[in-house]
């Protein structure tokens, strides 16, 4: 397919130099990077990734340390549940796979905290398995170039994977890798949501949206994330910051962190339910495994 070959060729010439794309980067490093990149910009991930892999270069190394240290090292990347997921996945890899990240999608999905996107991304980008990988950028490129729509709308796992699979060449794992990675790169750098650079796009002549005159998308939209300021996420982050900086935080100290008692207690209860904090009002609170 001309669209696929053009995307792959463009990617080979224009891919950004990112750590996880360099020769010799380990499957464990790819797994860590994929989890860190979820809802976090590349520029923030790279230094944290380098620090993480310097400290824990293998799943066995992380599994031998405590979940609390994983959460502390996660620092302010956001969504710290991901640090617990990584620790749990590392422990499972150490116990079930002799410390080696599995290449099979189903085996990756069986690891705790690993979802469909991450499993497929690791299989494709670390092991060159010819499986479709779909993120928000891929979905936007397919919606525009293939379906002639200005936006992709809400995610639908099976149709989205089928649409990406249709672009992958049979029997050519390396090109399948480049199509997967290239579609993501194109969506992130050129075919962006708000200001697509169509004049610089390598598939402009093949784009159904451009050929249709850029019709305005009037379908359902993906839900927007609520604003951070004043949200429970902000309160959770404030409490987590206190937990990372101390062995234990008393309930009285928690009460000083946020003025709205109802919201503060709701955020604290959420952290306890998620396993990001342990303890009670009598003994105080701490990170899991601390």
Protein backbone atom coordinates (compact mmCIF):
# COMPACT_ATOMS: atom_id res chain seq x y z
CA UNK A 1 0.00 0.00 0.00
CA UNK A 2 1.40 3.36 -1.03
CA UNK A 3 0.27 5.08 2.17
CA UNK A 4 2.13 2.57 4.35
CA UNK A 5 5.32 2.60 2.31
CA UNK A 6 5.37 6.40 2.28
CA UNK A 7 4.94 6.62 6.05
CA UNK A 8 7.68 4.02 6.60
CA UNK A 9 10.10 5.76 4.25
CA UNK A 10 9.43 9.16 5.85
CA UNK A 11 9.98 7.71 9.33
CA UNK A 12 13.34 6.20 8.38
CA UNK A 13 14.55 9.61 7.22
CA UNK A 14 12.91 11.85 9.81
CA UNK A 15 12.43 9.97 13.08
CA UNK A 16 13.53 11.94 16.11
CA UNK A 17 16.58 10.63 17.94
CA UNK A 18 15.00 9.25 21.10
CA UNK A 19 16.68 6.89 23.59
CA UNK A 20 14.23 4.03 23.10
CA UNK A 21 14.80 4.08 19.34
CA UNK A 22 18.56 3.65 19.51
CA UNK A 23 20.22 0.33 18.66
CA UNK A 24 20.80 -1.86 21.69
CA UNK A 25 18.17 -0.21 23.87
CA UNK A 26 16.84 -3.03 26.03
CA UNK A 27 13.29 -4.44 25.99
CA UNK A 28 13.10 -3.49 29.69
CA UNK A 29 14.01 0.07 28.76
CA UNK A 30 11.28 0.09 26.12
CA UNK A 31 8.75 -1.17 28.65
CA UNK A 32 9.75 1.50 31.18
CA UNK A 33 9.66 4.22 28.53
CA UNK A 34 6.21 3.22 27.29
CA UNK A 35 4.73 3.39 30.78
CA UNK A 36 6.45 6.70 31.51
CA UNK A 37 5.22 8.19 28.23
CA UNK A 38 1.58 7.60 29.08
CA UNK A 39 0.10 11.10 29.43
CA UNK A 40 3.56 12.60 29.96
CA UNK A 41 5.56 14.67 27.41
CA UNK A 42 8.75 13.21 25.93
CA UNK A 43 10.92 16.03 27.28
CA UNK A 44 9.90 15.23 30.85
CA UNK A 45 10.31 11.48 30.40
CA UNK A 46 13.86 11.33 29.00
CA UNK A 47 15.81 12.50 32.09
CA UNK A 48 13.64 10.43 34.45
CA UNK A 49 14.02 7.37 32.21
CA UNK A 50 17.79 7.71 32.21
CA UNK A 51 17.86 7.99 36.00
CA UNK A 52 15.51 5.04 36.39
CA UNK A 53 17.51 2.72 34.14
CA UNK A 54 20.79 3.76 35.76
CA UNK A 55 19.36 2.70 39.10
CA UNK A 56 17.34 -0.30 37.92
CA UNK A 57 18.82 -1.54 34.61
CA UNK A 58 16.88 -4.81 34.72
CA UNK A 59 13.51 -6.04 35.98
CA UNK A 60 15.34 -8.09 38.63
CA UNK A 61 16.99 -4.95 40.00
CA UNK A 62 13.68 -3.16 40.44
CA UNK A 63 11.93 -6.24 41.83
CA UNK A 64 14.62 -6.48 44.51
CA UNK A 65 13.87 -2.95 45.70
CA UNK A 66 10.72 -1.76 47.47
CA UNK A 67 7.59 -0.31 45.87
CA UNK A 68 8.17 2.79 48.00
CA UNK A 69 11.50 3.45 46.29
CA UNK A 70 9.84 3.10 42.89
CA UNK A 71 7.26 5.70 43.85
CA UNK A 72 9.93 8.03 45.23
CA UNK A 73 12.01 7.72 42.05
CA UNK A 74 8.91 8.44 39.97
CA UNK A 75 8.95 11.85 41.64
CA UNK A 76 6.61 14.27 39.83
CA UNK A 77 6.03 12.50 36.52
CA UNK A 78 2.37 12.26 37.48
CA UNK A 79 -0.03 9.34 37.83
CA UNK A 80 2.27 7.58 40.34
CA UNK A 81 0.19 4.42 40.14
CA UNK A 82 2.32 3.77 37.07
CA UNK A 83 5.37 3.36 39.33
CA UNK A 84 3.58 0.65 41.30
CA UNK A 85 2.54 -0.99 38.04
CA UNK A 86 6.14 -1.03 36.87
CA UNK A 87 7.32 -2.54 40.14
CA UNK A 88 4.62 -5.20 39.99
CA UNK A 89 5.46 -5.97 36.35
CA UNK A 90 9.17 -6.21 37.18
CA UNK A 91 8.40 -8.62 40.01
CA UNK A 92 6.28 -10.79 37.71
CA UNK A 93 8.98 -10.77 35.01
CA UNK A 94 11.58 -11.82 37.58
CA UNK A 95 9.37 -14.63 38.90
CA UNK A 96 7.74 -15.91 35.71
CA UNK A 97 10.21 -15.12 32.93
CA UNK A 98 13.66 -15.45 34.52
CA UNK A 99 14.09 -11.69 34.46
CA UNK A 100 13.57 -11.34 30.71
CA UNK A 101 10.77 -9.19 29.28
CA UNK A 102 8.53 -11.50 27.22
CA UNK A 103 8.03 -10.78 23.52
CA UNK A 104 4.54 -12.24 23.16
CA UNK A 105 1.57 -9.87 23.42
CA UNK A 106 -0.46 -12.30 25.53
CA UNK A 107 2.44 -12.85 27.93
CA UNK A 108 2.90 -9.10 28.23
CA UNK A 109 -0.82 -8.62 28.86
CA UNK A 110 -0.60 -11.16 31.68
CA UNK A 111 1.82 -8.89 33.55
CA UNK A 112 0.16 -6.74 36.23
CA UNK A 113 -0.55 -3.17 35.15
CA UNK A 114 0.20 -3.78 31.45
CA UNK A 115 -2.66 -2.85 29.13
CA UNK A 116 -3.30 -3.56 25.48
CA UNK A 117 -1.43 -0.54 24.11
CA UNK A 118 1.70 -1.11 26.21
CA UNK A 119 1.79 -4.84 25.45
CA UNK A 120 1.61 -4.22 21.71
CA UNK A 121 4.07 -1.34 21.81
CA UNK A 122 6.69 -3.45 23.62
CA UNK A 123 6.12 -6.41 21.29
CA UNK A 124 6.53 -4.19 18.23
CA UNK A 125 9.18 -1.68 19.27
CA UNK A 126 11.37 -3.96 21.40
CA UNK A 127 10.98 -7.25 19.54
CA UNK A 128 9.85 -6.23 16.02
CA UNK A 129 6.66 -8.28 16.28
CA UNK A 130 4.37 -7.29 13.36
CA UNK A 131 1.37 -6.30 15.48
CA UNK A 132 -0.70 -3.11 15.15
CA UNK A 133 0.01 -0.42 17.75
CA UNK A 134 -2.49 2.39 18.15
CA UNK A 135 -2.25 5.59 20.19
CA UNK A 136 -4.05 8.92 19.93
CA UNK A 137 -1.65 10.15 17.25
CA UNK A 138 -2.07 7.03 15.13
CA UNK A 139 -5.83 7.28 15.37
CA UNK A 140 -5.77 10.90 14.16
CA UNK A 141 -3.55 10.06 11.16
CA UNK A 142 -5.80 7.16 10.15
CA UNK A 143 -8.96 9.22 10.64
CA UNK A 144 -7.65 11.93 8.31
CA UNK A 145 -5.61 10.03 5.75
CA UNK A 146 -7.85 6.96 5.41
CA UNK A 147 -11.34 8.02 6.48
CA UNK A 148 -11.30 11.68 5.48
CA UNK A 149 -12.30 12.92 8.94
CA UNK A 150 -10.70 15.80 10.77
CA UNK A 151 -10.63 13.96 14.09
CA UNK A 152 -10.76 10.37 15.27
CA UNK A 153 -13.48 10.63 17.91
CA UNK A 154 -13.60 8.35 20.96
CA UNK A 155 -11.28 5.35 20.98
CA UNK A 156 -12.70 1.99 19.90
CA UNK A 157 -10.11 -0.72 20.47
CA UNK A 158 -11.13 -3.37 17.94
CA UNK A 159 -11.91 -1.06 15.01
CA UNK A 160 -8.82 1.03 15.72
CA UNK A 161 -6.55 -2.03 15.76
CA UNK A 162 -8.17 -3.39 12.60
CA UNK A 163 -7.61 -0.08 10.81
CA UNK A 164 -3.93 -0.07 11.77
CA UNK A 165 -3.51 -3.76 10.94
CA UNK A 166 -4.80 -3.04 7.44
CA UNK A 167 -1.84 -0.70 6.89
CA UNK A 168 0.82 -3.22 7.93
CA UNK A 169 2.61 -5.22 5.23
CA UNK A 170 2.42 -9.00 5.40
CA UNK A 171 5.63 -10.82 6.18
CA UNK A 172 7.79 -7.73 6.69
CA UNK A 173 8.25 -7.15 10.40
CA UNK A 174 10.78 -4.33 9.99
CA UNK A 175 8.52 -2.31 7.73
CA UNK A 176 5.56 -3.03 10.01
CA UNK A 177 7.61 -1.54 12.85
CA UNK A 178 8.36 1.56 10.77
CA UNK A 179 4.70 2.02 9.79
CA UNK A 180 3.58 1.76 13.43
CA UNK A 181 6.28 4.12 14.67
CA UNK A 182 5.93 6.40 11.67
CA UNK A 183 2.20 6.90 12.07
CA UNK A 184 2.77 7.90 15.71
CA UNK A 185 5.64 10.22 14.78
CA UNK A 186 3.62 11.81 12.00
CA UNK A 187 0.68 12.45 14.31
CA UNK A 188 2.86 13.89 17.03
CA UNK A 189 5.03 16.16 14.93
CA UNK A 190 3.11 17.10 11.75
CA UNK A 191 -0.48 15.84 11.69
CA UNK A 192 -1.22 17.44 15.05
CA UNK A 193 -4.69 17.93 16.47
CA UNK A 194 -4.91 21.72 16.38
CA UNK A 195 -2.39 22.91 13.80
CA UNK A 196 -1.53 20.23 11.25
CA UNK A 197 1.34 21.17 8.93
CA UNK A 198 -0.22 19.79 5.78
CA UNK A 199 2.31 21.51 3.49
CA UNK A 200 5.10 19.52 5.17
CA UNK A 201 3.21 16.24 5.37
CA UNK A 202 4.72 13.33 3.41
CA UNK A 203 1.29 11.79 2.76
CA UNK A 204 -0.54 14.99 1.80
CA UNK A 205 -1.16 13.74 -1.74
CA UNK A 206 -2.65 10.52 -0.34
CA UNK A 207 -4.74 12.11 2.42
CA UNK A 208 -8.50 11.61 2.10
CA UNK A 209 -9.22 14.57 4.42
CA UNK A 210 -7.17 16.92 2.26
CA UNK A 211 -8.74 15.56 -0.92
CA UNK A 212 -12.19 16.25 0.53
CA UNK A 213 -11.33 19.87 1.27
CA UNK A 214 -10.69 19.49 5.00
CA UNK A 215 -14.33 19.02 6.09
CA UNK A 216 -15.09 20.05 9.67
CA UNK A 217 -15.45 17.07 11.96
CA UNK A 218 -18.89 17.00 13.59
CA UNK A 219 -18.85 13.56 15.20
CA UNK A 220 -18.45 12.58 18.87
CA UNK A 221 -15.32 13.80 20.58
CA UNK A 222 -13.11 12.02 23.06
CA UNK A 223 -13.77 13.22 26.61
CA UNK A 224 -11.50 16.03 27.76
CA UNK A 225 -9.50 15.70 30.92
CA UNK A 226 -10.75 17.89 33.76
CA UNK A 227 -8.57 20.88 34.69
CA UNK A 228 -5.81 20.13 37.18
CA UNK A 229 -5.99 23.22 39.38
CA UNK A 230 -8.25 22.54 42.36
CA UNK A 231 -8.91 18.95 41.30
CA UNK A 232 -8.62 15.79 43.35
CA UNK A 233 -5.56 14.98 41.23
CA UNK A 234 -3.86 18.09 42.52
CA UNK A 235 -4.68 17.19 46.13
CA UNK A 236 -3.47 13.63 45.61
CA UNK A 237 -0.22 15.02 44.21
CA UNK A 238 0.28 17.27 47.22
CA UNK A 239 -0.23 14.37 49.62
CA UNK A 240 2.07 12.14 47.55
CA UNK A 241 4.78 14.80 47.68
CA UNK A 242 4.62 14.75 51.46
CA UNK A 243 4.74 10.95 51.54
CA UNK A 244 7.78 10.81 49.23
CA UNK A 245 9.71 13.24 51.42
CA UNK A 246 9.20 11.48 54.77
CA UNK A 247 9.17 8.02 56.26
CA UNK A 248 5.74 8.70 57.73
CA UNK A 249 3.19 11.52 57.68
CA UNK A 250 0.74 11.94 60.56
CA UNK A 251 -2.94 12.62 60.01
CA UNK A 252 -2.47 16.03 61.59
CA UNK A 253 0.19 16.82 59.00
CA UNK A 254 -2.11 15.68 56.20
CA UNK A 255 -4.76 18.08 57.47
CA UNK A 256 -2.40 21.01 56.90
CA UNK A 257 -1.85 20.14 53.24
CA UNK A 258 -5.23 21.23 51.81
CA UNK A 259 -7.97 23.43 53.29
CA UNK A 260 -11.03 21.58 51.97
CA UNK A 261 -11.45 18.70 54.44
CA UNK A 262 -13.94 16.75 52.32
CA UNK A 263 -11.78 16.89 49.20
CA UNK A 264 -8.62 16.20 51.21
CA UNK A 265 -10.07 13.08 52.83
CA UNK A 266 -11.46 11.91 49.49
CA UNK A 267 -8.03 12.25 47.89
CA UNK A 268 -6.39 10.43 50.80
CA UNK A 269 -8.95 7.63 50.62
CA UNK A 270 -8.24 7.29 46.91
CA UNK A 271 -4.50 6.96 47.52
CA UNK A 272 -5.14 4.27 50.14
CA UNK A 273 -7.51 2.40 47.83
CA UNK A 274 -4.98 2.54 44.99
CA UNK A 275 -2.21 1.17 47.19
CA UNK A 276 -0.13 4.32 46.85
CA UNK A 277 -0.35 4.95 50.57
CA UNK A 278 -0.76 2.68 53.59
CA UNK A 279 -1.59 3.41 57.22
CA UNK A 280 -4.39 5.00 59.23
CA UNK A 281 -5.11 8.12 61.32
CA UNK A 282 -3.62 6.53 64.43
CA UNK A 283 -0.29 5.36 63.02
CA UNK A 284 0.12 7.86 60.20
CA UNK A 285 0.62 7.26 56.49
CA UNK A 286 3.56 6.09 54.42
CA UNK A 287 4.44 4.76 50.98
CA UNK A 288 3.79 1.05 50.35
CA UNK A 289 6.74 -1.10 51.40
CA UNK A 290 8.43 1.79 53.21
